[in-house]
Amino acid sequence: MSRSKRTQAKPVKSALPRGVIRLPEWWQRLAHRLDWAGLLAERWAPNFHVGWLALTAVVFPLLLVLLAFLLTPLR
């Protein structure tokens, strides 16, 4: 009896080292932005007893979103 050799496709070599989690590029950009947000939050944490800082951190992003909704129909 002859044994047939099983031909297996060779694994594709990746540029990434072994064990690296492969995520889409948009996810990596989002994670990078959230890292910056976390760093800012850690830096601001001791000063959050000052009312204007907390108010600015909450209201300013909301104003930007509102402005985006107002300007989008004008395009």
PDB file of N, CA and C in Angstrom:
ATOM      1  N   MET A   1       0.833  -1.173   0.000  1.00  0.00           N
ATOM      2  CA  MET A   1       0.000   0.000   0.000  1.00  0.00           C
ATOM      3  C   MET A   1       0.877   1.234   0.000  1.00  0.00           C
ATOM      4  N   SER A   2       0.461   2.139  -0.768  1.00  0.00           N
ATOM      5  CA  SER A   2       1.220   3.388  -0.813  1.00  0.00           C
ATOM      6  C   SER A   2       0.467   4.470  -0.054  1.00  0.00           C
ATOM      7  N   ARG A   3       1.243   5.223   0.642  1.00  0.00           N
ATOM      8  CA  ARG A   3       0.645   6.342   1.373  1.00  0.00           C
ATOM      9  C   ARG A   3       0.726   7.593   0.523  1.00  0.00           C
ATOM     10  N   SER A   4      -0.364   8.298   0.462  1.00  0.00           N
ATOM     11  CA  SER A   4      -0.333   9.557  -0.292  1.00  0.00           C
ATOM     12  C   SER A   4       0.026  10.685   0.671  1.00  0.00           C
ATOM     13  N   LYS A   5       0.827  11.562   0.173  1.00  0.00           N
ATOM     14  CA  LYS A   5       1.213  12.703   0.987  1.00  0.00           C
ATOM     15  C   LYS A   5       0.077  13.721   0.987  1.00  0.00           C
ATOM     16  N   ARG A   6      -0.183  14.198   2.154  1.00  0.00           N
ATOM     17  CA  ARG A   6      -1.194  15.254   2.235  1.00  0.00           C
ATOM     18  C   ARG A   6      -0.515  16.574   1.935  1.00  0.00           C
ATOM     19  N   THR A   7      -1.068  17.256   0.981  1.00  0.00           N
ATOM     20  CA  THR A   7      -0.500  18.571   0.660  1.00  0.00           C
ATOM     21  C   THR A   7      -1.270  19.617   1.437  1.00  0.00           C
ATOM     22  N   GLN A   8      -0.544  20.335   2.209  1.00  0.00           N
ATOM     23  CA  GLN A   8      -1.157  21.400   2.986  1.00  0.00           C
ATOM     24  C   GLN A   8      -0.656  22.736   2.463  1.00  0.00           C
ATOM     25  N   ALA A   9      -1.570  23.679   2.456  1.00  0.00           N
ATOM     26  CA  ALA A   9      -1.173  25.023   2.053  1.00  0.00           C
ATOM     27  C   ALA A   9      -0.272  25.586   3.135  1.00  0.00           C
ATOM     28  N   LYS A  10       0.800  26.202   2.716  1.00  0.00           N
ATOM     29  CA  LYS A  10       1.710  26.808   3.673  1.00  0.00           C
ATOM     30  C   LYS A  10       1.041  28.049   4.274  1.00  0.00           C
ATOM     31  N   PRO A  11       1.209  28.231   5.564  1.00  0.00           N
ATOM     32  CA  PRO A  11       0.606  29.428   6.171  1.00  0.00           C
ATOM     33  C   PRO A  11       1.239  30.697   5.618  1.00  0.00           C
ATOM     34  N   VAL A  12       0.407  31.700   5.462  1.00  0.00           N
ATOM     35  CA  VAL A  12       0.880  32.970   4.931  1.00  0.00           C
ATOM     36  C   VAL A  12       1.660  33.693   6.027  1.00  0.00           C
ATOM     37  N   LYS A  13       2.838  34.101   5.688  1.00  0.00           N
ATOM     38  CA  LYS A  13       3.662  34.837   6.648  1.00  0.00           C
ATOM     39  C   LYS A  13       3.108  36.252   6.796  1.00  0.00           C
ATOM     40  N   SER A  14       3.011  36.680   8.017  1.00  0.00           N
ATOM     41  CA  SER A  14       2.478  38.008   8.296  1.00  0.00           C
ATOM     42  C   SER A  14       3.614  38.923   8.738  1.00  0.00           C
ATOM     43  N   ALA A  15       3.426  40.197   8.504  1.00  0.00           N
ATOM     44  CA  ALA A  15       4.426  41.174   8.922  1.00  0.00           C
ATOM     45  C   ALA A  15       4.348  41.423  10.430  1.00  0.00           C
ATOM     46  N   LEU A  16       3.220  41.063  11.029  1.00  0.00           N
ATOM     47  CA  LEU A  16       3.054  41.263  12.462  1.00  0.00           C
ATOM     48  C   LEU A  16       3.689  40.115  13.231  1.00  0.00           C
ATOM     49  N   PRO A  17       4.256  40.408  14.372  1.00  0.00           N
ATOM     50  CA  PRO A  17       4.810  39.336  15.188  1.00  0.00           C
ATOM     51  C   PRO A  17       3.708  38.441  15.757  1.00  0.00           C
ATOM     52  N   ARG A  18       4.089  37.263  16.170  1.00  0.00           N
ATOM     53  CA  ARG A  18       3.126  36.295  16.675  1.00  0.00           C
ATOM     54  C   ARG A  18       2.510  36.818  17.982  1.00  0.00           C
ATOM     55  N   GLY A  19       1.207  36.630  18.127  1.00  0.00           N
ATOM     56  CA  GLY A  19       0.519  37.033  19.337  1.00  0.00           C
ATOM     57  C   GLY A  19      -0.092  38.421  19.284  1.00  0.00           C
ATOM     58  N   VAL A  20       0.161  39.160  18.231  1.00  0.00           N
ATOM     59  CA  VAL A  20      -0.411  40.499  18.107  1.00  0.00           C
ATOM     60  C   VAL A  20      -1.862  40.368  17.663  1.00  0.00           C
ATOM     61  N   ILE A  21      -2.730  41.086  18.339  1.00  0.00           N
ATOM     62  CA  ILE A  21      -4.145  41.057  17.978  1.00  0.00           C
ATOM     63  C   ILE A  21      -4.340  41.925  16.743  1.00  0.00           C
ATOM     64  N   ARG A  22      -4.916  41.355  15.723  1.00  0.00           N
ATOM     65  CA  ARG A  22      -5.131  42.086  14.475  1.00  0.00           C
ATOM     66  C   ARG A  22      -6.519  42.710  14.501  1.00  0.00           C
ATOM     67  N   LEU A  23      -6.552  44.021  14.546  1.00  0.00           N
ATOM     68  CA  LEU A  23      -7.807  44.759  14.563  1.00  0.00           C
ATOM     69  C   LEU A  23      -7.875  45.645  13.337  1.00  0.00           C
ATOM     70  N   PRO A  24      -9.084  45.990  12.896  1.00  0.00           N
ATOM     71  CA  PRO A  24      -9.196  46.915  11.765  1.00  0.00           C
ATOM     72  C   PRO A  24      -8.536  48.251  12.102  1.00  0.00           C
ATOM     73  N   GLU A  25      -8.115  48.927  11.059  1.00  0.00           N
ATOM     74  CA  GLU A  25      -7.412  50.196  11.254  1.00  0.00           C
ATOM     75  C   GLU A  25      -8.295  51.238  11.921  1.00  0.00           C
ATOM     76  N   TRP A  26      -9.592  51.273  11.574  1.00  0.00           N
ATOM     77  CA  TRP A  26     -10.487  52.251  12.187  1.00  0.00           C
ATOM     78  C   TRP A  26     -10.604  51.999  13.684  1.00  0.00           C
ATOM     79  N   TRP A  27     -10.559  50.738  14.093  1.00  0.00           N
ATOM     80  CA  TRP A  27     -10.646  50.410  15.510  1.00  0.00           C
ATOM     81  C   TRP A  27      -9.386  50.877  16.239  1.00  0.00           C
ATOM     82  N   GLN A  28      -8.238  50.727  15.592  1.00  0.00           N
ATOM     83  CA  GLN A  28      -6.986  51.174  16.198  1.00  0.00           C
ATOM     84  C   GLN A  28      -6.968  52.691  16.364  1.00  0.00           C
ATOM     85  N   ARG A  29      -7.489  53.426  15.363  1.00  0.00           N
ATOM     86  CA  ARG A  29      -7.564  54.887  15.485  1.00  0.00           C
ATOM     87  C   ARG A  29      -8.482  55.290  16.633  1.00  0.00           C
ATOM     88  N   LEU A  30      -9.621  54.595  16.747  1.00  0.00           N
ATOM     89  CA  LEU A  30     -10.555  54.891  17.830  1.00  0.00           C
ATOM     90  C   LEU A  30      -9.909  54.611  19.191  1.00  0.00           C
ATOM     91  N   ALA A  31      -9.205  53.507  19.293  1.00  0.00           N
ATOM     92  CA  ALA A  31      -8.534  53.163  20.552  1.00  0.00           C
ATOM     93  C   ALA A  31      -7.474  54.203  20.896  1.00  0.00           C
ATOM     94  N   HIS A  32      -6.786  54.707  19.882  1.00  0.00           N
ATOM     95  CA  HIS A  32      -5.762  55.727  20.117  1.00  0.00           C
ATOM     96  C   HIS A  32      -6.397  57.014  20.651  1.00  0.00           C
ATOM     97  N   ARG A  33      -7.536  57.396  20.070  1.00  0.00           N
ATOM     98  CA  ARG A  33      -8.229  58.593  20.553  1.00  0.00           C
ATOM     99  C   ARG A  33      -8.728  58.398  21.982  1.00  0.00           C
ATOM    100  N   LEU A  34      -9.224  57.208  22.280  1.00  0.00           N
ATOM    101  CA  LEU A  34      -9.699  56.949  23.639  1.00  0.00           C
ATOM    102  C   LEU A  34      -8.538  56.936  24.626  1.00  0.00           C
ATOM    103  N   ASP A  35      -7.356  56.527  24.178  1.00  0.00           N
ATOM    104  CA  ASP A  35      -6.179  56.608  25.044  1.00  0.00           C
ATOM    105  C   ASP A  35      -5.892  58.055  25.419  1.00  0.00           C
ATOM    106  N   TRP A  36      -5.979  58.956  24.422  1.00  0.00           N
ATOM    107  CA  TRP A  36      -5.764  60.381  24.702  1.00  0.00           C
ATOM    108  C   TRP A  36      -6.826  60.909  25.657  1.00  0.00           C
ATOM    109  N   ALA A  37      -8.066  60.487  25.460  1.00  0.00           N
ATOM    110  CA  ALA A  37      -9.140  60.934  26.354  1.00  0.00           C
ATOM    111  C   ALA A  37      -8.879  60.451  27.779  1.00  0.00           C
ATOM    112  N   GLY A  38      -8.392  59.238  27.914  1.00  0.00           N
ATOM    113  CA  GLY A  38      -8.068  58.715  29.242  1.00  0.00           C
ATOM    114  C   GLY A  38      -6.937  59.476  29.903  1.00  0.00           C
ATOM    115  N   LEU A  39      -5.921  59.823  29.118  1.00  0.00           N
ATOM    116  CA  LEU A  39      -4.814  60.599  29.670  1.00  0.00           C
ATOM    117  C   LEU A  39      -5.282  61.977  30.145  1.00  0.00           C
ATOM    118  N   LEU A  40      -6.147  62.616  29.356  1.00  0.00           N
ATOM    119  CA  LEU A  40      -6.690  63.912  29.771  1.00  0.00           C
ATOM    120  C   LEU A  40      -7.526  63.778  31.043  1.00  0.00           C
ATOM    121  N   ALA A  41      -8.330  62.718  31.122  1.00  0.00           N
ATOM    122  CA  ALA A  41      -9.160  62.519  32.309  1.00  0.00           C
ATOM    123  C   ALA A  41      -8.294  62.312  33.551  1.00  0.00           C
ATOM    124  N   GLU A  42      -7.201  61.563  33.397  1.00  0.00           N
ATOM    125  CA  GLU A  42      -6.316  61.354  34.545  1.00  0.00           C
ATOM    126  C   GLU A  42      -5.648  62.658  34.971  1.00  0.00           C
ATOM    127  N   ARG A  43      -5.301  63.484  34.002  1.00  0.00           N
ATOM    128  CA  ARG A  43      -4.648  64.747  34.326  1.00  0.00           C
ATOM    129  C   ARG A  43      -5.618  65.723  34.985  1.00  0.00           C
ATOM    130  N   TRP A  44      -6.888  65.710  34.529  1.00  0.00           N
ATOM    131  CA  TRP A  44      -7.875  66.650  35.050  1.00  0.00           C
ATOM    132  C   TRP A  44      -8.491  66.193  36.367  1.00  0.00           C
ATOM    133  N   ALA A  45      -8.364  64.921  36.710  1.00  0.00           N
ATOM    134  CA  ALA A  45      -9.072  64.363  37.871  1.00  0.00           C
ATOM    135  C   ALA A  45      -8.856  65.162  39.161  1.00  0.00           C
ATOM    136  N   PRO A  46      -7.630  65.584  39.500  1.00  0.00           N
ATOM    137  CA  PRO A  46      -7.479  66.337  40.754  1.00  0.00           C
ATOM    138  C   PRO A  46      -8.171  67.700  40.725  1.00  0.00           C
ATOM    139  N   ASN A  47      -8.429  68.232  39.547  1.00  0.00           N
ATOM    140  CA  ASN A  47      -8.991  69.581  39.431  1.00  0.00           C
ATOM    141  C   ASN A  47     -10.494  69.590  39.177  1.00  0.00           C
ATOM    142  N   PHE A  48     -11.142  68.428  39.256  1.00  0.00           N
ATOM    143  CA  PHE A  48     -12.559  68.397  38.919  1.00  0.00           C
ATOM    144  C   PHE A  48     -13.450  68.976  40.005  1.00  0.00           C
ATOM    145  N   HIS A  49     -12.858  69.366  41.134  1.00  0.00           N
ATOM    146  CA  HIS A  49     -13.659  70.067  42.130  1.00  0.00           C
ATOM    147  C   HIS A  49     -13.932  71.502  41.684  1.00  0.00           C
ATOM    148  N   VAL A  50     -13.168  71.978  40.702  1.00  0.00           N
ATOM    149  CA  VAL A  50     -13.417  73.302  40.127  1.00  0.00           C
ATOM    150  C   VAL A  50     -14.590  73.154  39.161  1.00  0.00           C
ATOM    151  N   GLY A  51     -15.651  73.898  39.401  1.00  0.00           N
ATOM    152  CA  GLY A  51     -16.886  73.721  38.636  1.00  0.00           C
ATOM    153  C   GLY A  51     -16.773  73.995  37.156  1.00  0.00           C
ATOM    154  N   TRP A  52     -15.996  75.008  36.777  1.00  0.00           N
ATOM    155  CA  TRP A  52     -15.952  75.371  35.361  1.00  0.00           C
ATOM    156  C   TRP A  52     -15.269  74.298  34.532  1.00  0.00           C
ATOM    157  N   LEU A  53     -14.342  73.563  35.098  1.00  0.00           N
ATOM    158  CA  LEU A  53     -13.659  72.521  34.333  1.00  0.00           C
ATOM    159  C   LEU A  53     -14.604  71.370  34.005  1.00  0.00           C
ATOM    160  N   ALA A  54     -15.353  70.936  34.990  1.00  0.00           N
ATOM    161  CA  ALA A  54     -16.319  69.863  34.754  1.00  0.00           C
ATOM    162  C   ALA A  54     -17.384  70.312  33.767  1.00  0.00           C
ATOM    163  N   LEU A  55     -17.857  71.540  33.936  1.00  0.00           N
ATOM    164  CA  LEU A  55     -18.880  72.065  33.033  1.00  0.00           C
ATOM    165  C   LEU A  55     -18.362  72.150  31.599  1.00  0.00           C
ATOM    166  N   THR A  56     -17.141  72.639  31.442  1.00  0.00           N
ATOM    167  CA  THR A  56     -16.550  72.746  30.105  1.00  0.00           C
ATOM    168  C   THR A  56     -16.343  71.377  29.475  1.00  0.00           C
ATOM    169  N   ALA A  57     -15.890  70.416  30.262  1.00  0.00           N
ATOM    170  CA  ALA A  57     -15.625  69.072  29.734  1.00  0.00           C
ATOM    171  C   ALA A  57     -16.903  68.392  29.273  1.00  0.00           C
ATOM    172  N   VAL A  58     -18.027  68.731  29.855  1.00  0.00           N
ATOM    173  CA  VAL A  58     -19.297  68.109  29.469  1.00  0.00           C
ATOM    174  C   VAL A  58     -20.000  68.914  28.386  1.00  0.00           C
ATOM    175  N   VAL A  59     -20.020  70.221  28.520  1.00  0.00           N
ATOM    176  CA  VAL A  59     -20.814  71.062  27.623  1.00  0.00           C
ATOM    177  C   VAL A  59     -20.136  71.265  26.264  1.00  0.00           C
ATOM    178  N   PHE A  60     -18.827  71.417  26.232  1.00  0.00           N
ATOM    179  CA  PHE A  60     -18.146  71.713  24.971  1.00  0.00           C
ATOM    180  C   PHE A  60     -18.357  70.623  23.916  1.00  0.00           C
ATOM    181  N   PRO A  61     -18.189  69.333  24.239  1.00  0.00           N
ATOM    182  CA  PRO A  61     -18.474  68.316  23.216  1.00  0.00           C
ATOM    183  C   PRO A  61     -19.928  68.326  22.764  1.00  0.00           C
ATOM    184  N   LEU A  62     -20.845  68.597  23.694  1.00  0.00           N
ATOM    185  CA  LEU A  62     -22.254  68.672  23.307  1.00  0.00           C
ATOM    186  C   LEU A  62     -22.505  69.833  22.359  1.00  0.00           C
ATOM    187  N   LEU A  63     -21.847  70.946  22.590  1.00  0.00           N
ATOM    188  CA  LEU A  63     -21.985  72.089  21.676  1.00  0.00           C
ATOM    189  C   LEU A  63     -21.413  71.763  20.292  1.00  0.00           C
ATOM    190  N   LEU A  64     -20.337  71.030  20.251  1.00  0.00           N
ATOM    191  CA  LEU A  64     -19.770  70.637  18.956  1.00  0.00           C
ATOM    192  C   LEU A  64     -20.715  69.723  18.183  1.00  0.00           C
ATOM    193  N   VAL A  65     -21.339  68.783  18.871  1.00  0.00           N
ATOM    194  CA  VAL A  65     -22.302  67.890  18.209  1.00  0.00           C
ATOM    195  C   VAL A  65     -23.500  68.690  17.711  1.00  0.00           C
ATOM    196  N   LEU A  66     -23.989  69.597  18.527  1.00  0.00           N
ATOM    197  CA  LEU A  66     -25.117  70.444  18.122  1.00  0.00           C
ATOM    198  C   LEU A  66     -24.749  71.295  16.911  1.00  0.00           C
ATOM    199  N   LEU A  67     -23.565  71.853  16.914  1.00  0.00           N
ATOM    200  CA  LEU A  67     -23.103  72.643  15.778  1.00  0.00           C
ATOM    201  C   LEU A  67     -23.010  71.794  14.513  1.00  0.00           C
ATOM    202  N   ALA A  68     -22.552  70.574  14.638  1.00  0.00           N
ATOM    203  CA  ALA A  68     -22.467  69.671  13.482  1.00  0.00           C
ATOM    204  C   ALA A  68     -23.855  69.395  12.915  1.00  0.00           C
ATOM    205  N   PHE A  69     -24.836  69.158  13.797  1.00  0.00           N
ATOM    206  CA  PHE A  69     -26.199  68.912  13.315  1.00  0.00           C
ATOM    207  C   PHE A  69     -26.790  70.153  12.655  1.00  0.00           C
ATOM    208  N   LEU A  70     -26.430  71.323  13.133  1.00  0.00           N
ATOM    209  CA  LEU A  70     -26.961  72.546  12.527  1.00  0.00           C
ATOM    210  C   LEU A  70     -26.333  72.853  11.176  1.00  0.00           C
ATOM    211  N   LEU A  71     -25.039  72.536  11.026  1.00  0.00           N
ATOM    212  CA  LEU A  71     -24.331  72.876   9.782  1.00  0.00           C
ATOM    213  C   LEU A  71     -24.473  71.811   8.712  1.00  0.00           C
ATOM    214  N   THR A  72     -24.824  70.586   9.083  1.00  0.00           N
ATOM    215  CA  THR A  72     -24.923  69.516   8.095  1.00  0.00           C
ATOM    216  C   THR A  72     -25.984  69.791   7.024  1.00  0.00           C
ATOM    217  N   PRO A  73     -27.195  70.260   7.370  1.00  0.00           N
ATOM    218  CA  PRO A  73     -28.190  70.528   6.308  1.00  0.00           C
ATOM    219  C   PRO A  73     -27.779  71.652   5.361  1.00  0.00           C
ATOM    220  N   LEU A  74     -26.859  72.517   5.775  1.00  0.00           N
ATOM    221  CA  LEU A  74     -26.461  73.630   4.927  1.00  0.00           C
ATOM    222  C   LEU A  74     -25.509  73.209   3.802  1.00  0.00           C
ATOM    223  N   ARG A  75     -24.975  72.023   3.896  1.00  0.00           N
ATOM    224  CA  ARG A  75     -24.017  71.566   2.870  1.00  0.00           C
ATOM    225  C   ARG A  75     -24.667  71.298   1.572  1.00  0.00           C
TER     226      ARG A  75
END
